[in-house]
Amino acid sequence: MKTVPCITLLLVSLVPANPAAQATAPPVREPQARNAPIRQSAPPLAELSQSLQALTAKVSPSIVQIFVTGYAAPDEDDRAATGEPQLERSSGSGVVVDPDGYIVTNAHVVENATRTEVELPFAATGGAPGRSILKRRGRTVGAQIVAIDHETDIAVIKVEARGLAALPFGDSDELRSGQLVLAFGSPLGLESSVSMGVVSAVARQLTPEDPMIYIQTDATINPGNSGGALVDTDGRLVGVNTLIYSQSGGSEGIGFAAPSNIVRNVFSQIRHYGRVRRGEIGVNTQTITPLMAEALGMAEGTRRGAVGLHAGRGLARGQGSNPGNSC
C-alpha cells in the first residue's frame, strides 16, 4: 500500500539517531489547547478610552447643575423691551469643593438670583445606580449664596448636605500648552456632559488692563457650562469654565477657565472671612498748609513734599523734606 512508507518515515523521524542527543535536546513545548485564552495587551487607543471612562466616573459625582430664578436686567438694545426687569429661570454648573456642601460656580450664574437650587448627582446621594442605560436624576436641594467676587467672576454657594464627593484642587501653575484636559458641566441644560480638549494657552489676559487671567482651552464649552470643572488627567480641578469667544453663540474652540489657584484663594477667603480681601497701594496728594509745614519742620517757601518715602533713599531731601517725612 502507498500509505505505509509515509507512516514509516514519520515514525523514524521522531526517534533520535544518537541516544546522547536526547539528553541535550531542548524541551518540546506542548501545544496550547484550542479553547485556551490568549493574553494580549489592550491596544493603546482602548487603554486611553478606558482611562477616560474611569476619569469621568470619578469626577462626575462632584459636578452639580444649578437652577436660578431671578430678575434679569433689561436689554438696552431691545427696542421692544418695556424697561422693567423680567423674572427668568436659567441654569449653570458648579463644582463641589468641600464635603460639607460648599460649591464653587461663576458669579454671573447666580447673580441677581432670588432663588437658587442645586441638583446633586444621583451618585452623590448614595443610591444604587440601577441597570438602566438612562441615568437616574439626583435630588434637588435649595442653596444659599455665601459670597460673590465680581473681579474673578467666582461665587461660592452652600447646600445643606454632608459627605459630598469633593473635587481636589490641582496646581494651575503647572499647566502647559498641549496638556490634555476635560470639561464637565451642563451645557444648554444637558446635565452630566463631558468634553475633551487641550490647554491652548496659559495665563491668557483678555484685555491689557484686565486684572484677571484665564486658561484657554479648545475643550467644548457652551452656555450652561459656566461654573463647571476643567480637570486634568489625574481628576484634579485645574480651572472653572467661565466664558467663550464666539461669533455664533456656541462653542468655536475658544474657551476660558479661571485658574484653580485663583479659585482656591477666593474660596478659602470667602469661607473664612465671608469676602475676598485684597491689598491696595496708592498715592494721595494734599496741599501743604503753613501749619502742616511748621509741624513737619519744612523750610519756609517749600512748595513740594514727598509722600511715603523711606530713609536712605535720598529722594526726600531733594523734595524739600527730611527722610521719613510724609504729607
C-alpha atoms as a PDB file:
ATOM      1  CA  MET A   1       0.000   0.000   0.000  1.00  0.00           C
ATOM      2  CA  LYS A   2       1.125   3.528  -0.775  1.00  0.00           C
ATOM      3  CA  THR A   3       0.315   4.902   2.632  1.00  0.00           C
ATOM      4  CA  VAL A   4       2.624   2.618   4.610  1.00  0.00           C
ATOM      5  CA  PRO A   5       6.012   4.162   3.671  1.00  0.00           C
ATOM      6  CA  CYS A   6       4.769   7.564   4.731  1.00  0.00           C
ATOM      7  CA  ILE A   7       3.829   6.263   8.134  1.00  0.00           C
ATOM      8  CA  THR A   8       7.207   4.510   8.473  1.00  0.00           C
ATOM      9  CA  LEU A   9       9.174   7.640   7.645  1.00  0.00           C
ATOM     10  CA  LEU A  10       7.185   9.642  10.170  1.00  0.00           C
ATOM     11  CA  LEU A  11       7.966   7.193  12.943  1.00  0.00           C
ATOM     12  CA  VAL A  12      11.665   7.188  12.152  1.00  0.00           C
ATOM     13  CA  SER A  13      11.854  10.970  12.253  1.00  0.00           C
ATOM     14  CA  LEU A  14      10.524  11.028  15.817  1.00  0.00           C
ATOM     15  CA  VAL A  15      13.332   8.763  17.112  1.00  0.00           C
ATOM     16  CA  PRO A  16      16.758  10.410  17.577  1.00  0.00           C
ATOM     17  CA  ALA A  17      19.662   8.580  15.864  1.00  0.00           C
ATOM     18  CA  ASN A  18      22.023   9.224  18.820  1.00  0.00           C
ATOM     19  CA  PRO A  19      20.738   8.439  22.327  1.00  0.00           C
ATOM     20  CA  ALA A  20      23.068  11.124  23.780  1.00  0.00           C
ATOM     21  CA  ALA A  21      21.372  13.750  21.682  1.00  0.00           C
ATOM     22  CA  GLN A  22      18.137  13.046  23.504  1.00  0.00           C
ATOM     23  CA  ALA A  23      19.566  14.313  26.788  1.00  0.00           C
ATOM     24  CA  THR A  24      20.831  17.591  25.308  1.00  0.00           C
ATOM     25  CA  ALA A  25      17.852  18.336  23.073  1.00  0.00           C
ATOM     26  CA  PRO A  26      15.732  21.317  24.196  1.00  0.00           C
ATOM     27  CA  PRO A  27      12.379  20.503  25.753  1.00  0.00           C
ATOM     28  CA  VAL A  28       9.467  20.446  23.385  1.00  0.00           C
ATOM     29  CA  ARG A  29       6.520  22.645  24.480  1.00  0.00           C
ATOM     30  CA  GLU A  30       3.119  21.111  24.367  1.00  0.00           C
ATOM     31  CA  PRO A  31       0.762  22.947  22.021  1.00  0.00           C
ATOM     32  CA  GLN A  32      -1.940  25.064  23.682  1.00  0.00           C
ATOM     33  CA  ALA A  33      -5.469  23.813  23.698  1.00  0.00           C
ATOM     34  CA  ARG A  34      -7.669  25.292  21.043  1.00  0.00           C
ATOM     35  CA  ASN A  35     -10.009  26.980  23.545  1.00  0.00           C
ATOM     36  CA  ALA A  36      -7.285  28.355  25.835  1.00  0.00           C
ATOM     37  CA  PRO A  37      -7.493  32.178  26.166  1.00  0.00           C
ATOM     38  CA  ILE A  38      -4.606  34.123  24.672  1.00  0.00           C
ATOM     39  CA  ARG A  39      -3.455  37.023  26.795  1.00  0.00           C
ATOM     40  CA  GLN A  40      -2.923  40.159  24.760  1.00  0.00           C
ATOM     41  CA  SER A  41      -2.395  43.712  25.935  1.00  0.00           C
ATOM     42  CA  ALA A  42      -5.169  46.151  25.059  1.00  0.00           C
ATOM     43  CA  PRO A  43      -4.448  48.491  22.149  1.00  0.00           C
ATOM     44  CA  PRO A  44      -3.235  51.949  23.221  1.00  0.00           C
ATOM     45  CA  LEU A  45      -6.436  53.576  21.953  1.00  0.00           C
ATOM     46  CA  ALA A  46      -8.554  51.177  24.017  1.00  0.00           C
ATOM     47  CA  GLU A  47      -6.458  51.906  27.108  1.00  0.00           C
ATOM     48  CA  LEU A  48      -6.963  55.643  26.574  1.00  0.00           C
ATOM     49  CA  SER A  49     -10.710  55.142  26.238  1.00  0.00           C
ATOM     50  CA  GLN A  50     -10.860  53.085  29.431  1.00  0.00           C
ATOM     51  CA  SER A  51      -8.827  55.707  31.287  1.00  0.00           C
ATOM     52  CA  LEU A  52     -11.204  58.475  30.184  1.00  0.00           C
ATOM     53  CA  GLN A  53     -14.212  56.404  31.237  1.00  0.00           C
ATOM     54  CA  ALA A  54     -12.703  55.827  34.686  1.00  0.00           C
ATOM     55  CA  LEU A  55     -11.817  59.510  34.981  1.00  0.00           C
ATOM     56  CA  THR A  56     -15.355  60.563  34.060  1.00  0.00           C
ATOM     57  CA  ALA A  57     -16.863  58.189  36.614  1.00  0.00           C
ATOM     58  CA  LYS A  58     -14.515  59.609  39.245  1.00  0.00           C
ATOM     59  CA  VAL A  59     -15.209  63.292  38.572  1.00  0.00           C
ATOM     60  CA  SER A  60     -18.930  63.288  37.699  1.00  0.00           C
ATOM     61  CA  PRO A  61     -20.238  62.908  41.316  1.00  0.00           C
ATOM     62  CA  SER A  62     -18.598  66.268  42.127  1.00  0.00           C
ATOM     63  CA  ILE A  63     -20.315  68.208  39.312  1.00  0.00           C
ATOM     64  CA  VAL A  64     -23.720  69.750  40.013  1.00  0.00           C
ATOM     65  CA  GLN A  65     -26.354  71.569  37.986  1.00  0.00           C
ATOM     66  CA  ILE A  66     -27.558  74.913  39.321  1.00  0.00           C
ATOM     67  CA  PHE A  67     -31.050  76.339  38.690  1.00  0.00           C
ATOM     68  CA  VAL A  68     -31.535  80.050  39.245  1.00  0.00           C
ATOM     69  CA  THR A  69     -34.705  82.113  39.353  1.00  0.00           C
ATOM     70  CA  GLY A  70     -34.221  85.870  39.324  1.00  0.00           C
ATOM     71  CA  TYR A  71     -34.811  89.196  37.636  1.00  0.00           C
ATOM     72  CA  ALA A  72     -32.610  89.828  34.641  1.00  0.00           C
ATOM     73  CA  ALA A  73     -31.506  93.328  33.754  1.00  0.00           C
ATOM     74  CA  PRO A  74     -33.439  94.788  30.795  1.00  0.00           C
ATOM     75  CA  ASP A  75     -31.758  94.638  27.406  1.00  0.00           C
ATOM     76  CA  GLU A  76     -30.972  98.199  26.326  1.00  0.00           C
ATOM     77  CA  ASP A  77     -30.591  97.141  22.681  1.00  0.00           C
ATOM     78  CA  ASP A  78     -34.067  95.598  22.564  1.00  0.00           C
ATOM     79  CA  ARG A  79     -36.488  98.295  21.452  1.00  0.00           C
ATOM     80  CA  ALA A  80     -39.484  96.117  22.254  1.00  0.00           C
ATOM     81  CA  ALA A  81     -38.409  95.799  25.887  1.00  0.00           C
ATOM     82  CA  THR A  82     -40.593  97.593  28.408  1.00  0.00           C
ATOM     83  CA  GLY A  83     -37.660  98.550  30.600  1.00  0.00           C
ATOM     84  CA  GLU A  84     -38.997  96.546  33.517  1.00  0.00           C
ATOM     85  CA  PRO A  85     -36.977  93.620  34.895  1.00  0.00           C
ATOM     86  CA  GLN A  86     -38.320  90.238  33.846  1.00  0.00           C
ATOM     87  CA  LEU A  87     -38.428  87.155  36.047  1.00  0.00           C
ATOM     88  CA  GLU A  88     -36.350  84.472  34.339  1.00  0.00           C
ATOM     89  CA  ARG A  89     -35.143  80.964  35.038  1.00  0.00           C
ATOM     90  CA  SER A  90     -31.678  79.875  33.945  1.00  0.00           C
ATOM     91  CA  SER A  91     -29.200  77.119  34.686  1.00  0.00           C
ATOM     92  CA  GLY A  92     -25.477  76.666  35.050  1.00  0.00           C
ATOM     93  CA  SER A  93     -22.928  74.325  36.554  1.00  0.00           C
ATOM     94  CA  GLY A  94     -20.974  74.077  39.774  1.00  0.00           C
ATOM     95  CA  VAL A  95     -18.204  72.079  41.443  1.00  0.00           C
ATOM     96  CA  VAL A  96     -18.303  70.588  44.921  1.00  0.00           C
ATOM     97  CA  VAL A  97     -15.030  71.594  46.585  1.00  0.00           C
ATOM     98  CA  ASP A  98     -15.848  70.682  50.183  1.00  0.00           C
ATOM     99  CA  PRO A  99     -17.726  67.655  51.577  1.00  0.00           C
ATOM    100  CA  ASP A 100     -19.755  69.938  53.857  1.00  0.00           C
ATOM    101  CA  GLY A 101     -21.748  71.333  50.940  1.00  0.00           C
ATOM    102  CA  TYR A 102     -19.616  74.198  49.596  1.00  0.00           C
ATOM    103  CA  ILE A 103     -19.889  74.631  45.832  1.00  0.00           C
ATOM    104  CA  VAL A 104     -17.907  76.917  43.534  1.00  0.00           C
ATOM    105  CA  THR A 105     -19.506  78.421  40.430  1.00  0.00           C
ATOM    106  CA  ASN A 106     -19.403  81.610  38.362  1.00  0.00           C
ATOM    107  CA  ALA A 107     -20.742  84.858  39.748  1.00  0.00           C
ATOM    108  CA  HIS A 108     -22.774  85.509  36.601  1.00  0.00           C
ATOM    109  CA  VAL A 109     -24.602  82.202  37.116  1.00  0.00           C
ATOM    110  CA  VAL A 110     -26.161  83.176  40.462  1.00  0.00           C
ATOM    111  CA  GLU A 111     -26.081  86.963  40.202  1.00  0.00           C
ATOM    112  CA  ASN A 112     -29.460  88.649  40.790  1.00  0.00           C
ATOM    113  CA  ALA A 113     -30.916  85.320  41.921  1.00  0.00           C
ATOM    114  CA  THR A 114     -33.986  85.310  44.129  1.00  0.00           C
ATOM    115  CA  ARG A 115     -33.994  81.529  44.364  1.00  0.00           C
ATOM    116  CA  THR A 116     -31.138  79.083  43.873  1.00  0.00           C
ATOM    117  CA  GLU A 117     -31.439  75.311  43.657  1.00  0.00           C
ATOM    118  CA  VAL A 118     -28.817  72.623  43.098  1.00  0.00           C
ATOM    119  CA  GLU A 119     -29.360  69.193  41.614  1.00  0.00           C
ATOM    120  CA  LEU A 120     -26.914  66.801  43.205  1.00  0.00           C
ATOM    121  CA  PRO A 121     -25.772  63.865  41.030  1.00  0.00           C
ATOM    122  CA  PHE A 122     -27.514  60.599  41.824  1.00  0.00           C
ATOM    123  CA  ALA A 123     -24.135  59.031  42.622  1.00  0.00           C
ATOM    124  CA  ALA A 124     -23.620  61.685  45.309  1.00  0.00           C
ATOM    125  CA  THR A 125     -26.838  60.672  47.075  1.00  0.00           C
ATOM    126  CA  GLY A 126     -25.578  57.158  47.760  1.00  0.00           C
ATOM    127  CA  GLY A 127     -28.294  55.365  45.803  1.00  0.00           C
ATOM    128  CA  ALA A 128     -27.836  52.269  43.662  1.00  0.00           C
ATOM    129  CA  PRO A 129     -27.122  53.116  40.017  1.00  0.00           C
ATOM    130  CA  GLY A 130     -29.581  50.535  38.648  1.00  0.00           C
ATOM    131  CA  ARG A 131     -29.359  48.669  35.360  1.00  0.00           C
ATOM    132  CA  SER A 132     -30.983  51.181  33.006  1.00  0.00           C
ATOM    133  CA  ILE A 133     -28.780  52.910  30.455  1.00  0.00           C
ATOM    134  CA  LEU A 134     -30.619  56.140  31.324  1.00  0.00           C
ATOM    135  CA  LYS A 135     -29.050  57.903  34.250  1.00  0.00           C
ATOM    136  CA  ARG A 136     -31.244  58.435  37.255  1.00  0.00           C
ATOM    137  CA  ARG A 137     -31.778  62.053  38.216  1.00  0.00           C
ATOM    138  CA  GLY A 138     -30.380  63.209  41.518  1.00  0.00           C
ATOM    139  CA  ARG A 139     -32.240  65.121  44.192  1.00  0.00           C
ATOM    140  CA  THR A 140     -32.712  68.882  44.066  1.00  0.00           C
ATOM    141  CA  VAL A 141     -31.968  70.928  47.185  1.00  0.00           C
ATOM    142  CA  GLY A 142     -32.054  74.612  47.999  1.00  0.00           C
ATOM    143  CA  ALA A 143     -28.814  76.581  48.114  1.00  0.00           C
ATOM    144  CA  GLN A 144     -27.658  79.800  49.702  1.00  0.00           C
ATOM    145  CA  ILE A 145     -25.208  82.251  48.181  1.00  0.00           C
ATOM    146  CA  VAL A 146     -22.289  82.651  50.578  1.00  0.00           C
ATOM    147  CA  ALA A 147     -20.468  85.414  48.677  1.00  0.00           C
ATOM    148  CA  ILE A 148     -19.702  86.708  45.191  1.00  0.00           C
ATOM    149  CA  ASP A 149     -16.380  88.041  43.917  1.00  0.00           C
ATOM    150  CA  HIS A 150     -17.011  90.132  40.808  1.00  0.00           C
ATOM    151  CA  GLU A 151     -13.354  90.697  39.942  1.00  0.00           C
ATOM    152  CA  THR A 152     -12.750  86.971  39.337  1.00  0.00           C
ATOM    153  CA  ASP A 153     -16.388  86.116  38.455  1.00  0.00           C
ATOM    154  CA  ILE A 154     -16.345  83.444  41.163  1.00  0.00           C
ATOM    155  CA  ALA A 155     -19.172  82.721  43.602  1.00  0.00           C
ATOM    156  CA  VAL A 156     -19.478  80.296  46.496  1.00  0.00           C
ATOM    157  CA  ILE A 157     -22.823  78.725  47.369  1.00  0.00           C
ATOM    158  CA  LYS A 158     -23.730  76.182  50.031  1.00  0.00           C
ATOM    159  CA  VAL A 159     -26.250  73.361  50.326  1.00  0.00           C
ATOM    160  CA  GLU A 160     -27.345  71.586  53.487  1.00  0.00           C
ATOM    161  CA  ALA A 161     -25.700  68.265  52.762  1.00  0.00           C
ATOM    162  CA  ARG A 162     -22.820  66.311  54.248  1.00  0.00           C
ATOM    163  CA  GLY A 163     -20.367  63.792  52.887  1.00  0.00           C
ATOM    164  CA  LEU A 164     -20.461  65.048  49.296  1.00  0.00           C
ATOM    165  CA  ALA A 165     -17.784  63.956  46.841  1.00  0.00           C
ATOM    166  CA  ALA A 166     -15.440  66.945  46.727  1.00  0.00           C
ATOM    167  CA  LEU A 167     -13.093  67.506  43.802  1.00  0.00           C
ATOM    168  CA  PRO A 168      -9.487  68.167  44.879  1.00  0.00           C
ATOM    169  CA  PHE A 169      -7.731  71.297  43.666  1.00  0.00           C
ATOM    170  CA  GLY A 170      -4.826  70.961  41.266  1.00  0.00           C
ATOM    171  CA  ASP A 171      -1.966  73.397  40.678  1.00  0.00           C
ATOM    172  CA  SER A 172      -2.885  75.518  37.657  1.00  0.00           C
ATOM    173  CA  ASP A 173       0.648  76.945  37.548  1.00  0.00           C
ATOM    174  CA  GLU A 174       1.869  73.537  36.381  1.00  0.00           C
ATOM    175  CA  LEU A 175      -0.345  73.510  33.283  1.00  0.00           C
ATOM    176  CA  ARG A 176       1.372  73.637  29.906  1.00  0.00           C
ATOM    177  CA  SER A 177       0.079  74.239  26.401  1.00  0.00           C
ATOM    178  CA  GLY A 178      -0.963  70.969  24.769  1.00  0.00           C
ATOM    179  CA  GLN A 179      -1.828  69.278  28.055  1.00  0.00           C
ATOM    180  CA  LEU A 180      -4.950  67.101  27.938  1.00  0.00           C
ATOM    181  CA  VAL A 181      -7.955  68.407  29.916  1.00  0.00           C
ATOM    182  CA  LEU A 182     -11.652  67.550  30.270  1.00  0.00           C
ATOM    183  CA  ALA A 183     -14.548  69.984  30.700  1.00  0.00           C
ATOM    184  CA  PHE A 184     -17.542  68.945  32.829  1.00  0.00           C
ATOM    185  CA  GLY A 185     -20.876  70.681  33.159  1.00  0.00           C
ATOM    186  CA  SER A 186     -24.427  71.036  31.888  1.00  0.00           C
ATOM    187  CA  PRO A 187     -24.272  72.812  28.507  1.00  0.00           C
ATOM    188  CA  LEU A 188     -27.684  74.078  27.387  1.00  0.00           C
ATOM    189  CA  GLY A 189     -29.189  72.254  30.363  1.00  0.00           C
ATOM    190  CA  LEU A 190     -27.821  68.833  29.380  1.00  0.00           C
ATOM    191  CA  GLU A 191     -26.604  67.608  32.749  1.00  0.00           C
ATOM    192  CA  SER A 192     -23.564  65.384  33.262  1.00  0.00           C
ATOM    193  CA  SER A 193     -21.852  66.245  29.987  1.00  0.00           C
ATOM    194  CA  VAL A 194     -18.129  65.897  29.395  1.00  0.00           C
ATOM    195  CA  SER A 195     -15.871  67.045  26.569  1.00  0.00           C
ATOM    196  CA  MET A 196     -12.153  66.684  25.934  1.00  0.00           C
ATOM    197  CA  GLY A 197      -9.510  69.049  24.632  1.00  0.00           C
ATOM    198  CA  VAL A 198      -6.104  70.506  25.329  1.00  0.00           C
ATOM    199  CA  VAL A 199      -4.775  73.603  27.024  1.00  0.00           C
ATOM    200  CA  SER A 200      -4.423  76.130  24.214  1.00  0.00           C
ATOM    201  CA  ALA A 201      -2.648  78.753  26.326  1.00  0.00           C
ATOM    202  CA  VAL A 202      -1.973  79.527  29.973  1.00  0.00           C
ATOM    203  CA  ALA A 203      -2.237  82.892  31.733  1.00  0.00           C
ATOM    204  CA  ARG A 204      -4.334  84.415  28.938  1.00  0.00           C
ATOM    205  CA  GLN A 205      -5.171  88.066  29.611  1.00  0.00           C
ATOM    206  CA  LEU A 206      -8.222  89.122  27.599  1.00  0.00           C
ATOM    207  CA  THR A 207      -7.513  92.856  27.788  1.00  0.00           C
ATOM    208  CA  PRO A 208      -4.247  94.644  28.604  1.00  0.00           C
ATOM    209  CA  GLU A 209      -5.605  96.134  31.836  1.00  0.00           C
ATOM    210  CA  ASP A 210      -7.641  93.111  32.923  1.00  0.00           C
ATOM    211  CA  PRO A 211      -6.525  92.019  36.419  1.00  0.00           C
ATOM    212  CA  MET A 212      -7.852  88.502  35.730  1.00  0.00           C
ATOM    213  CA  ILE A 213      -6.068  85.805  33.731  1.00  0.00           C
ATOM    214  CA  TYR A 214      -7.569  82.644  32.230  1.00  0.00           C
ATOM    215  CA  ILE A 215      -6.692  79.198  30.953  1.00  0.00           C
ATOM    216  CA  GLN A 216      -7.560  78.956  27.257  1.00  0.00           C
ATOM    217  CA  THR A 217      -8.780  75.579  26.037  1.00  0.00           C
ATOM    218  CA  ASP A 218     -10.367  74.065  22.945  1.00  0.00           C
ATOM    219  CA  ALA A 219     -12.491  71.669  25.018  1.00  0.00           C
ATOM    220  CA  THR A 220     -16.101  72.218  24.010  1.00  0.00           C
ATOM    221  CA  ILE A 221     -17.732  74.806  26.279  1.00  0.00           C
ATOM    222  CA  ASN A 222     -21.243  76.136  25.657  1.00  0.00           C
ATOM    223  CA  PRO A 223     -23.770  78.268  27.565  1.00  0.00           C
ATOM    224  CA  GLY A 224     -24.639  76.277  30.676  1.00  0.00           C
ATOM    225  CA  ASN A 225     -21.060  75.076  31.136  1.00  0.00           C
ATOM    226  CA  SER A 226     -20.320  78.191  33.187  1.00  0.00           C
ATOM    227  CA  GLY A 227     -19.171  77.198  36.654  1.00  0.00           C
ATOM    228  CA  GLY A 228     -18.276  73.662  35.589  1.00  0.00           C
ATOM    229  CA  ALA A 229     -14.956  71.962  36.127  1.00  0.00           C
ATOM    230  CA  LEU A 230     -11.880  71.831  33.944  1.00  0.00           C
ATOM    231  CA  VAL A 231      -9.860  68.848  35.164  1.00  0.00           C
ATOM    232  CA  ASP A 232      -6.536  67.278  34.306  1.00  0.00           C
ATOM    233  CA  THR A 233      -5.917  63.586  33.647  1.00  0.00           C
ATOM    234  CA  ASP A 234      -5.467  62.972  37.386  1.00  0.00           C
ATOM    235  CA  GLY A 235      -9.006  64.159  38.102  1.00  0.00           C
ATOM    236  CA  ARG A 236      -7.922  67.381  39.805  1.00  0.00           C
ATOM    237  CA  LEU A 237      -9.680  70.718  39.409  1.00  0.00           C
ATOM    238  CA  VAL A 238      -7.391  72.988  37.382  1.00  0.00           C
ATOM    239  CA  GLY A 239      -9.972  75.575  36.307  1.00  0.00           C
ATOM    240  CA  VAL A 240     -13.584  76.753  36.431  1.00  0.00           C
ATOM    241  CA  ASN A 241     -15.170  77.192  33.000  1.00  0.00           C
ATOM    242  CA  THR A 242     -16.147  80.839  32.695  1.00  0.00           C
ATOM    243  CA  LEU A 243     -16.639  82.184  29.170  1.00  0.00           C
ATOM    244  CA  ILE A 244     -16.143  81.610  25.436  1.00  0.00           C
ATOM    245  CA  TYR A 245     -15.280  83.664  22.388  1.00  0.00           C
ATOM    246  CA  SER A 246     -17.889  83.001  19.735  1.00  0.00           C
ATOM    247  CA  GLN A 247     -19.398  84.583  16.645  1.00  0.00           C
ATOM    248  CA  SER A 248     -22.286  82.128  16.530  1.00  0.00           C
ATOM    249  CA  GLY A 249     -23.173  81.944  20.223  1.00  0.00           C
ATOM    250  CA  GLY A 250     -21.913  78.365  20.513  1.00  0.00           C
ATOM    251  CA  SER A 251     -18.556  76.742  21.012  1.00  0.00           C
ATOM    252  CA  GLU A 252     -15.901  77.560  18.417  1.00  0.00           C
ATOM    253  CA  GLY A 253     -12.966  76.055  20.290  1.00  0.00           C
ATOM    254  CA  ILE A 254     -12.005  79.191  22.209  1.00  0.00           C
ATOM    255  CA  GLY A 255     -12.999  78.738  25.830  1.00  0.00           C
ATOM    256  CA  PHE A 256     -11.626  80.242  29.016  1.00  0.00           C
ATOM    257  CA  ALA A 257     -11.470  78.931  32.573  1.00  0.00           C
ATOM    258  CA  ALA A 258     -10.482  80.644  35.798  1.00  0.00           C
ATOM    259  CA  PRO A 259      -7.235  79.054  37.084  1.00  0.00           C
ATOM    260  CA  SER A 260      -7.653  76.779  40.078  1.00  0.00           C
ATOM    261  CA  ASN A 261      -5.042  78.611  42.152  1.00  0.00           C
ATOM    262  CA  ILE A 262      -7.124  81.803  41.921  1.00  0.00           C
ATOM    263  CA  VAL A 263     -10.333  79.878  42.603  1.00  0.00           C
ATOM    264  CA  ARG A 264      -8.809  78.189  45.639  1.00  0.00           C
ATOM    265  CA  ASN A 265      -7.672  81.517  47.079  1.00  0.00           C
ATOM    266  CA  VAL A 266     -11.097  83.101  46.546  1.00  0.00           C
ATOM    267  CA  PHE A 267     -12.909  80.112  48.058  1.00  0.00           C
ATOM    268  CA  SER A 268     -10.601  79.982  51.067  1.00  0.00           C
ATOM    269  CA  GLN A 269     -11.077  83.680  51.840  1.00  0.00           C
ATOM    270  CA  ILE A 270     -14.829  83.590  51.355  1.00  0.00           C
ATOM    271  CA  ARG A 271     -15.164  80.584  53.651  1.00  0.00           C
ATOM    272  CA  HIS A 272     -13.036  82.119  56.402  1.00  0.00           C
ATOM    273  CA  TYR A 273     -13.876  85.842  56.106  1.00  0.00           C
ATOM    274  CA  GLY A 274     -17.097  85.928  54.103  1.00  0.00           C
ATOM    275  CA  ARG A 275     -15.467  88.060  51.415  1.00  0.00           C
ATOM    276  CA  VAL A 276     -12.256  88.461  49.425  1.00  0.00           C
ATOM    277  CA  ARG A 277      -9.689  90.823  50.909  1.00  0.00           C
ATOM    278  CA  ARG A 278      -7.124  92.376  48.603  1.00  0.00           C
ATOM    279  CA  GLY A 279      -4.183  94.612  49.329  1.00  0.00           C
ATOM    280  CA  GLU A 280      -4.186  98.100  47.878  1.00  0.00           C
ATOM    281  CA  ILE A 281      -1.396 100.515  47.133  1.00  0.00           C
ATOM    282  CA  GLY A 282      -1.720 104.126  46.060  1.00  0.00           C
ATOM    283  CA  VAL A 283      -0.655 107.734  46.471  1.00  0.00           C
ATOM    284  CA  ASN A 284      -2.753 110.656  47.684  1.00  0.00           C
ATOM    285  CA  THR A 285      -1.855 114.298  47.223  1.00  0.00           C
ATOM    286  CA  GLN A 286      -2.632 117.090  49.636  1.00  0.00           C
ATOM    287  CA  THR A 287      -1.844 120.784  49.755  1.00  0.00           C
ATOM    288  CA  ILE A 288       0.707 121.632  52.436  1.00  0.00           C
ATOM    289  CA  THR A 289      -0.567 124.472  54.582  1.00  0.00           C
ATOM    290  CA  PRO A 290       1.800 126.698  56.606  1.00  0.00           C
ATOM    291  CA  LEU A 291       0.613 124.916  59.761  1.00  0.00           C
ATOM    292  CA  MET A 292       1.435 121.496  58.313  1.00  0.00           C
ATOM    293  CA  ALA A 293       4.803 122.760  57.055  1.00  0.00           C
ATOM    294  CA  GLU A 294       5.653 124.011  60.522  1.00  0.00           C
ATOM    295  CA  ALA A 295       4.595 120.734  62.105  1.00  0.00           C
ATOM    296  CA  LEU A 296       6.703 118.780  59.593  1.00  0.00           C
ATOM    297  CA  GLY A 297       9.705 121.018  60.089  1.00  0.00           C
ATOM    298  CA  MET A 298       9.782 122.103  56.456  1.00  0.00           C
ATOM    299  CA  ALA A 299      11.597 125.253  55.462  1.00  0.00           C
ATOM    300  CA  GLU A 300       9.517 128.319  54.657  1.00  0.00           C
ATOM    301  CA  GLY A 301       8.815 128.642  50.964  1.00  0.00           C
ATOM    302  CA  THR A 302       8.977 124.909  50.242  1.00  0.00           C
ATOM    303  CA  ARG A 303       6.465 124.057  47.525  1.00  0.00           C
ATOM    304  CA  ARG A 304       6.927 120.341  47.157  1.00  0.00           C
ATOM    305  CA  GLY A 305       6.736 117.394  49.538  1.00  0.00           C
ATOM    306  CA  ALA A 306       7.462 113.657  49.370  1.00  0.00           C
ATOM    307  CA  VAL A 307       4.824 111.060  50.200  1.00  0.00           C
ATOM    308  CA  GLY A 308       5.659 107.765  51.910  1.00  0.00           C
ATOM    309  CA  LEU A 309       9.416 107.933  51.264  1.00  0.00           C
ATOM    310  CA  HIS A 310      11.855 105.788  53.228  1.00  0.00           C
ATOM    311  CA  ALA A 311      15.027 106.988  54.880  1.00  0.00           C
ATOM    312  CA  GLY A 312      18.223 106.361  53.000  1.00  0.00           C
ATOM    313  CA  ARG A 313      16.703 106.715  49.519  1.00  0.00           C
ATOM    314  CA  GLY A 314      17.978 110.271  49.057  1.00  0.00           C
ATOM    315  CA  LEU A 315      14.762 111.451  47.372  1.00  0.00           C
ATOM    316  CA  ALA A 316      13.126 113.046  50.418  1.00  0.00           C
ATOM    317  CA  ARG A 317      15.820 115.682  50.846  1.00  0.00           C
ATOM    318  CA  GLY A 318      15.630 116.604  47.197  1.00  0.00           C
ATOM    319  CA  GLN A 319      11.916 117.321  47.579  1.00  0.00           C
ATOM    320  CA  GLY A 320      12.444 119.751  50.440  1.00  0.00           C
ATOM    321  CA  SER A 321      11.735 117.441  53.396  1.00  0.00           C
ATOM    322  CA  ASN A 322      13.717 115.199  55.651  1.00  0.00           C
ATOM    323  CA  PRO A 323      13.828 111.406  55.135  1.00  0.00           C
ATOM    324  CA  GLY A 324      10.829 109.727  56.757  1.00  0.00           C
ATOM    325  CA  ASN A 325       8.514 112.722  56.496  1.00  0.00           C
ATOM    326  CA  SER A 326       5.131 112.212  54.888  1.00  0.00           C
ATOM    327  CA  CYS A 327       2.352 114.536  53.947  1.00  0.00           C
END
